[in-house]
Amino acid sequence: MTFLLGQQTPGADELYDIVVLEPVPPIWPTVFWSILGVLILAAIGVAIWYYLKRSEQTGGDSSVAKVKSRFLEIEKNRIEYAPNQFTLAISDALKDYLSEKFNDPVRFETSEEFLKRTSDTKSKLPAPARDLLRLFLSETDELKFGNKGGGDAKLIGLLLQADNVVNVCERESAKKEAS
């Protein structure tokens, strides 16, 4: 029973001090506080994961802010782009916006497939924006594949058309939400 008292039994020829015998402290408080600490750390981990997942779902910036910043970046770097690369960059930015905003598969379709689909069925894309987008897509296809050199003014005009499509989409979405 001496192992529970926390001291060793002295040998026959050893001298030892008289020590007040105390029981070994129980292990249960240590186990309790360890489990509680692990649970608190797990809760903090879950809270961080939930916060990151939630901010990822909201996307941080709105889709409008993303596309507008991409348009500005494309406009600033327009000297570095060839005309067909410039139109492709604008088209990609606009398609990413439409995919994110309206959950539209325009990103994975050709212009012809998109125009056919939006004329056949009801799209989530607002009707005024569809008309502007139809015009935009036909002009970008001319520049991308027709090898027409429209000059800088024509390219900036395409950028303004794409910006106009975004503005119309946002205006129509705001009207729909207000109703």
C-alpha atoms as a PDB file:
ATOM      1  CA  MET A   1       0.000   0.000   0.000  1.00  0.00           C
ATOM      2  CA  THR A   2       3.002   2.271   0.158  1.00  0.00           C
ATOM      3  CA  PHE A   3       2.826   2.855  -3.633  1.00  0.00           C
ATOM      4  CA  LEU A   4      -0.406   4.823  -3.087  1.00  0.00           C
ATOM      5  CA  LEU A   5       1.201   7.051  -0.526  1.00  0.00           C
ATOM      6  CA  GLY A   6       3.779   8.472  -2.900  1.00  0.00           C
ATOM      7  CA  GLN A   7       6.951   7.419  -1.144  1.00  0.00           C
ATOM      8  CA  GLN A   8       9.402   4.607  -1.243  1.00  0.00           C
ATOM      9  CA  THR A   9       9.999   2.274   1.620  1.00  0.00           C
ATOM     10  CA  PRO A  10      13.500   2.882   2.969  1.00  0.00           C
ATOM     11  CA  GLY A  11      15.954   0.021   3.185  1.00  0.00           C
ATOM     12  CA  ALA A  12      16.950  -1.524   6.544  1.00  0.00           C
ATOM     13  CA  ASP A  13      20.255   0.303   6.798  1.00  0.00           C
ATOM     14  CA  GLU A  14      19.030   3.688   5.425  1.00  0.00           C
ATOM     15  CA  LEU A  15      18.187   6.702   7.467  1.00  0.00           C
ATOM     16  CA  TYR A  16      15.248   8.780   6.438  1.00  0.00           C
ATOM     17  CA  ASP A  17      13.356  11.822   7.582  1.00  0.00           C
ATOM     18  CA  ILE A  18      10.007  11.503   9.034  1.00  0.00           C
ATOM     19  CA  VAL A  19       7.616  12.616   6.343  1.00  0.00           C
ATOM     20  CA  VAL A  20       3.967  13.220   6.723  1.00  0.00           C
ATOM     21  CA  LEU A  21       2.221  10.732   4.526  1.00  0.00           C
ATOM     22  CA  GLU A  22      -0.071  12.244   1.873  1.00  0.00           C
ATOM     23  CA  PRO A  23      -2.176  10.395  -0.629  1.00  0.00           C
ATOM     24  CA  VAL A  24      -1.308  10.617  -4.344  1.00  0.00           C
ATOM     25  CA  PRO A  25      -3.584  13.184  -6.000  1.00  0.00           C
ATOM     26  CA  PRO A  26      -6.327  11.622  -8.120  1.00  0.00           C
ATOM     27  CA  ILE A  27      -5.955  11.615 -11.903  1.00  0.00           C
ATOM     28  CA  TRP A  28      -9.595  12.549 -12.669  1.00  0.00           C
ATOM     29  CA  PRO A  29      -9.200  16.355 -12.473  1.00  0.00           C
ATOM     30  CA  THR A  30      -6.288  16.140 -14.913  1.00  0.00           C
ATOM     31  CA  VAL A  31      -8.315  13.983 -17.285  1.00  0.00           C
ATOM     32  CA  PHE A  32     -11.313  16.330 -17.001  1.00  0.00           C
ATOM     33  CA  TRP A  33      -9.286  19.473 -17.762  1.00  0.00           C
ATOM     34  CA  SER A  34      -7.466  17.749 -20.634  1.00  0.00           C
ATOM     35  CA  ILE A  35     -10.721  16.663 -22.270  1.00  0.00           C
ATOM     36  CA  LEU A  36     -12.221  20.111 -21.728  1.00  0.00           C
ATOM     37  CA  GLY A  37      -9.158  21.718 -23.352  1.00  0.00           C
ATOM     38  CA  VAL A  38      -9.374  19.410 -26.363  1.00  0.00           C
ATOM     39  CA  LEU A  39     -13.095  20.188 -26.734  1.00  0.00           C
ATOM     40  CA  ILE A  40     -12.444  23.936 -26.587  1.00  0.00           C
ATOM     41  CA  LEU A  41      -9.696  23.649 -29.208  1.00  0.00           C
ATOM     42  CA  ALA A  42     -12.020  21.585 -31.422  1.00  0.00           C
ATOM     43  CA  ALA A  43     -14.780  24.190 -31.031  1.00  0.00           C
ATOM     44  CA  ILE A  44     -12.366  26.956 -32.011  1.00  0.00           C
ATOM     45  CA  GLY A  45     -11.274  24.921 -35.034  1.00  0.00           C
ATOM     46  CA  VAL A  46     -14.878  24.344 -36.118  1.00  0.00           C
ATOM     47  CA  ALA A  47     -15.672  28.046 -35.673  1.00  0.00           C
ATOM     48  CA  ILE A  48     -12.693  29.040 -37.830  1.00  0.00           C
ATOM     49  CA  TRP A  49     -13.644  26.472 -40.485  1.00  0.00           C
ATOM     50  CA  TYR A  50     -17.264  27.704 -40.484  1.00  0.00           C
ATOM     51  CA  TYR A  51     -16.147  31.337 -40.783  1.00  0.00           C
ATOM     52  CA  LEU A  52     -13.807  30.558 -43.681  1.00  0.00           C
ATOM     53  CA  LYS A  53     -16.448  28.473 -45.437  1.00  0.00           C
ATOM     54  CA  ARG A  54     -19.028  31.224 -45.009  1.00  0.00           C
ATOM     55  CA  SER A  55     -16.715  33.947 -46.304  1.00  0.00           C
ATOM     56  CA  GLU A  56     -15.834  31.679 -49.217  1.00  0.00           C
ATOM     57  CA  GLN A  57     -19.535  31.279 -50.076  1.00  0.00           C
ATOM     58  CA  THR A  58     -20.161  35.011 -50.009  1.00  0.00           C
ATOM     59  CA  GLY A  59     -17.105  35.318 -52.176  1.00  0.00           C
ATOM     60  CA  GLY A  60     -15.626  38.232 -50.310  1.00  0.00           C
ATOM     61  CA  ASP A  61     -16.102  40.703 -53.136  1.00  0.00           C
ATOM     62  CA  SER A  62     -19.349  40.793 -55.035  1.00  0.00           C
ATOM     63  CA  SER A  63     -19.442  39.549 -58.597  1.00  0.00           C
ATOM     64  CA  VAL A  64     -19.937  43.142 -59.801  1.00  0.00           C
ATOM     65  CA  ALA A  65     -16.846  44.353 -57.989  1.00  0.00           C
ATOM     66  CA  LYS A  66     -14.827  41.457 -59.409  1.00  0.00           C
ATOM     67  CA  VAL A  67     -15.869  42.083 -63.012  1.00  0.00           C
ATOM     68  CA  LYS A  68     -15.409  45.854 -62.725  1.00  0.00           C
ATOM     69  CA  SER A  69     -11.898  45.410 -61.342  1.00  0.00           C
ATOM     70  CA  ARG A  70     -11.094  42.957 -64.134  1.00  0.00           C
ATOM     71  CA  PHE A  71     -12.379  45.466 -66.704  1.00  0.00           C
ATOM     72  CA  LEU A  72     -10.144  48.159 -65.201  1.00  0.00           C
ATOM     73  CA  GLU A  73      -7.163  45.832 -65.232  1.00  0.00           C
ATOM     74  CA  ILE A  74      -7.811  44.881 -68.864  1.00  0.00           C
ATOM     75  CA  GLU A  75      -8.136  48.540 -69.822  1.00  0.00           C
ATOM     76  CA  LYS A  76      -4.887  49.468 -68.054  1.00  0.00           C
ATOM     77  CA  ASN A  77      -2.989  46.669 -69.789  1.00  0.00           C
ATOM     78  CA  ARG A  78      -4.602  47.064 -73.232  1.00  0.00           C
ATOM     79  CA  ILE A  79      -1.267  47.941 -74.838  1.00  0.00           C
ATOM     80  CA  GLU A  80       0.084  44.507 -73.904  1.00  0.00           C
ATOM     81  CA  TYR A  81      -2.814  42.672 -75.571  1.00  0.00           C
ATOM     82  CA  ALA A  82      -3.255  41.885 -79.239  1.00  0.00           C
ATOM     83  CA  PRO A  83      -6.782  42.828 -80.434  1.00  0.00           C
ATOM     84  CA  ASN A  84      -8.103  39.259 -80.297  1.00  0.00           C
ATOM     85  CA  GLN A  85      -6.520  38.691 -76.846  1.00  0.00           C
ATOM     86  CA  PHE A  86      -8.106  41.919 -75.619  1.00  0.00           C
ATOM     87  CA  THR A  87     -11.566  40.853 -76.796  1.00  0.00           C
ATOM     88  CA  LEU A  88     -11.044  37.381 -75.367  1.00  0.00           C
ATOM     89  CA  ALA A  89     -10.102  38.849 -71.968  1.00  0.00           C
ATOM     90  CA  ILE A  90     -13.207  41.070 -71.942  1.00  0.00           C
ATOM     91  CA  SER A  91     -15.410  38.180 -73.042  1.00  0.00           C
ATOM     92  CA  ASP A  92     -13.977  35.876 -70.364  1.00  0.00           C
ATOM     93  CA  ALA A  93     -14.497  38.457 -67.626  1.00  0.00           C
ATOM     94  CA  LEU A  94     -18.108  39.003 -68.702  1.00  0.00           C
ATOM     95  CA  LYS A  95     -18.783  35.260 -68.961  1.00  0.00           C
ATOM     96  CA  ASP A  96     -17.342  34.690 -65.485  1.00  0.00           C
ATOM     97  CA  TYR A  97     -19.629  37.413 -64.142  1.00  0.00           C
ATOM     98  CA  LEU A  98     -22.716  35.917 -65.796  1.00  0.00           C
ATOM     99  CA  SER A  99     -21.828  32.431 -64.600  1.00  0.00           C
ATOM    100  CA  GLU A 100     -21.393  33.620 -61.030  1.00  0.00           C
ATOM    101  CA  LYS A 101     -24.317  36.039 -60.893  1.00  0.00           C
ATOM    102  CA  PHE A 102     -26.990  34.045 -62.709  1.00  0.00           C
ATOM    103  CA  ASN A 103     -25.546  30.535 -62.449  1.00  0.00           C
ATOM    104  CA  ASP A 104     -25.637  30.477 -66.236  1.00  0.00           C
ATOM    105  CA  PRO A 105     -23.561  27.956 -68.211  1.00  0.00           C
ATOM    106  CA  VAL A 106     -22.467  30.665 -70.686  1.00  0.00           C
ATOM    107  CA  ARG A 107     -18.866  30.041 -69.633  1.00  0.00           C
ATOM    108  CA  PHE A 108     -18.907  26.606 -71.235  1.00  0.00           C
ATOM    109  CA  GLU A 109     -20.789  27.462 -74.425  1.00  0.00           C
ATOM    110  CA  THR A 110     -19.863  29.017 -77.715  1.00  0.00           C
ATOM    111  CA  SER A 111     -21.555  32.263 -78.667  1.00  0.00           C
ATOM    112  CA  GLU A 112     -23.867  30.419 -81.068  1.00  0.00           C
ATOM    113  CA  GLU A 113     -24.902  27.881 -78.429  1.00  0.00           C
ATOM    114  CA  PHE A 114     -25.585  30.650 -75.927  1.00  0.00           C
ATOM    115  CA  LEU A 115     -27.638  32.716 -78.375  1.00  0.00           C
ATOM    116  CA  LYS A 116     -29.663  29.658 -79.397  1.00  0.00           C
ATOM    117  CA  ARG A 117     -30.322  28.669 -75.789  1.00  0.00           C
ATOM    118  CA  THR A 118     -31.397  32.135 -74.676  1.00  0.00           C
ATOM    119  CA  SER A 119     -33.745  32.532 -77.633  1.00  0.00           C
ATOM    120  CA  ASP A 120     -35.317  29.069 -77.172  1.00  0.00           C
ATOM    121  CA  THR A 121     -35.863  29.031 -73.411  1.00  0.00           C
ATOM    122  CA  LYS A 122     -36.277  31.481 -70.630  1.00  0.00           C
ATOM    123  CA  SER A 123     -32.912  32.338 -69.196  1.00  0.00           C
ATOM    124  CA  LYS A 124     -32.228  33.828 -65.791  1.00  0.00           C
ATOM    125  CA  LEU A 125     -30.499  36.619 -67.657  1.00  0.00           C
ATOM    126  CA  PRO A 126     -32.716  39.748 -67.916  1.00  0.00           C
ATOM    127  CA  ALA A 127     -34.213  40.380 -71.369  1.00  0.00           C
ATOM    128  CA  PRO A 128     -32.581  43.810 -71.938  1.00  0.00           C
ATOM    129  CA  ALA A 129     -29.211  42.339 -71.016  1.00  0.00           C
ATOM    130  CA  ARG A 130     -29.743  39.438 -73.436  1.00  0.00           C
ATOM    131  CA  ASP A 131     -30.129  41.869 -76.325  1.00  0.00           C
ATOM    132  CA  LEU A 132     -26.998  43.789 -75.342  1.00  0.00           C
ATOM    133  CA  LEU A 133     -25.098  40.556 -74.824  1.00  0.00           C
ATOM    134  CA  ARG A 134     -26.201  39.267 -78.223  1.00  0.00           C
ATOM    135  CA  LEU A 135     -24.767  42.410 -79.848  1.00  0.00           C
ATOM    136  CA  PHE A 136     -21.594  42.214 -77.751  1.00  0.00           C
ATOM    137  CA  LEU A 137     -20.984  38.550 -78.610  1.00  0.00           C
ATOM    138  CA  SER A 138     -21.443  39.076 -82.330  1.00  0.00           C
ATOM    139  CA  GLU A 139     -18.971  42.001 -82.332  1.00  0.00           C
ATOM    140  CA  THR A 140     -16.392  40.133 -80.272  1.00  0.00           C
ATOM    141  CA  ASP A 141     -16.674  37.116 -82.538  1.00  0.00           C
ATOM    142  CA  GLU A 142     -16.027  39.367 -85.530  1.00  0.00           C
ATOM    143  CA  LEU A 143     -12.902  40.742 -83.906  1.00  0.00           C
ATOM    144  CA  LYS A 144     -11.672  37.416 -82.530  1.00  0.00           C
ATOM    145  CA  PHE A 145     -12.237  35.284 -85.591  1.00  0.00           C
ATOM    146  CA  GLY A 146     -12.689  37.737 -88.447  1.00  0.00           C
ATOM    147  CA  ASN A 147      -9.259  39.268 -87.916  1.00  0.00           C
ATOM    148  CA  LYS A 148     -10.729  42.725 -88.345  1.00  0.00           C
ATOM    149  CA  GLY A 149      -8.437  45.413 -87.067  1.00  0.00           C
ATOM    150  CA  GLY A 150     -10.890  47.803 -85.511  1.00  0.00           C
ATOM    151  CA  GLY A 151      -8.293  49.850 -83.744  1.00  0.00           C
ATOM    152  CA  ASP A 152      -8.135  50.967 -80.149  1.00  0.00           C
ATOM    153  CA  ALA A 153     -11.452  52.843 -80.285  1.00  0.00           C
ATOM    154  CA  LYS A 154     -13.342  49.709 -81.314  1.00  0.00           C
ATOM    155  CA  LEU A 155     -11.727  47.693 -78.527  1.00  0.00           C
ATOM    156  CA  ILE A 156     -12.562  50.294 -75.899  1.00  0.00           C
ATOM    157  CA  GLY A 157     -16.094  50.354 -77.325  1.00  0.00           C
ATOM    158  CA  LEU A 158     -16.343  46.610 -76.663  1.00  0.00           C
ATOM    159  CA  LEU A 159     -15.175  47.143 -73.122  1.00  0.00           C
ATOM    160  CA  LEU A 160     -17.860  49.793 -72.645  1.00  0.00           C
ATOM    161  CA  GLN A 161     -20.478  47.445 -74.116  1.00  0.00           C
ATOM    162  CA  ALA A 162     -19.457  44.719 -71.676  1.00  0.00           C
ATOM    163  CA  ASP A 163     -19.648  47.221 -68.821  1.00  0.00           C
ATOM    164  CA  ASN A 164     -23.093  48.257 -70.047  1.00  0.00           C
ATOM    165  CA  VAL A 165     -24.244  44.606 -70.000  1.00  0.00           C
ATOM    166  CA  VAL A 166     -23.110  44.340 -66.376  1.00  0.00           C
ATOM    167  CA  ASN A 167     -24.851  47.611 -65.445  1.00  0.00           C
ATOM    168  CA  VAL A 168     -28.126  46.498 -67.076  1.00  0.00           C
ATOM    169  CA  CYS A 169     -27.961  43.131 -65.323  1.00  0.00           C
ATOM    170  CA  GLU A 170     -27.452  44.812 -61.964  1.00  0.00           C
ATOM    171  CA  ARG A 171     -30.218  47.351 -62.582  1.00  0.00           C
ATOM    172  CA  GLU A 172     -32.691  44.630 -63.625  1.00  0.00           C
ATOM    173  CA  SER A 173     -31.686  42.439 -60.657  1.00  0.00           C
ATOM    174  CA  ALA A 174     -32.246  45.362 -58.289  1.00  0.00           C
ATOM    175  CA  LYS A 175     -35.695  45.969 -59.812  1.00  0.00           C
ATOM    176  CA  LYS A 176     -36.551  42.289 -59.452  1.00  0.00           C
ATOM    177  CA  GLU A 177     -35.444  42.237 -55.804  1.00  0.00           C
ATOM    178  CA  ALA A 178     -37.362  45.428 -55.020  1.00  0.00           C
ATOM    179  CA  SER A 179     -40.578  43.947 -56.425  1.00  0.00           C
END
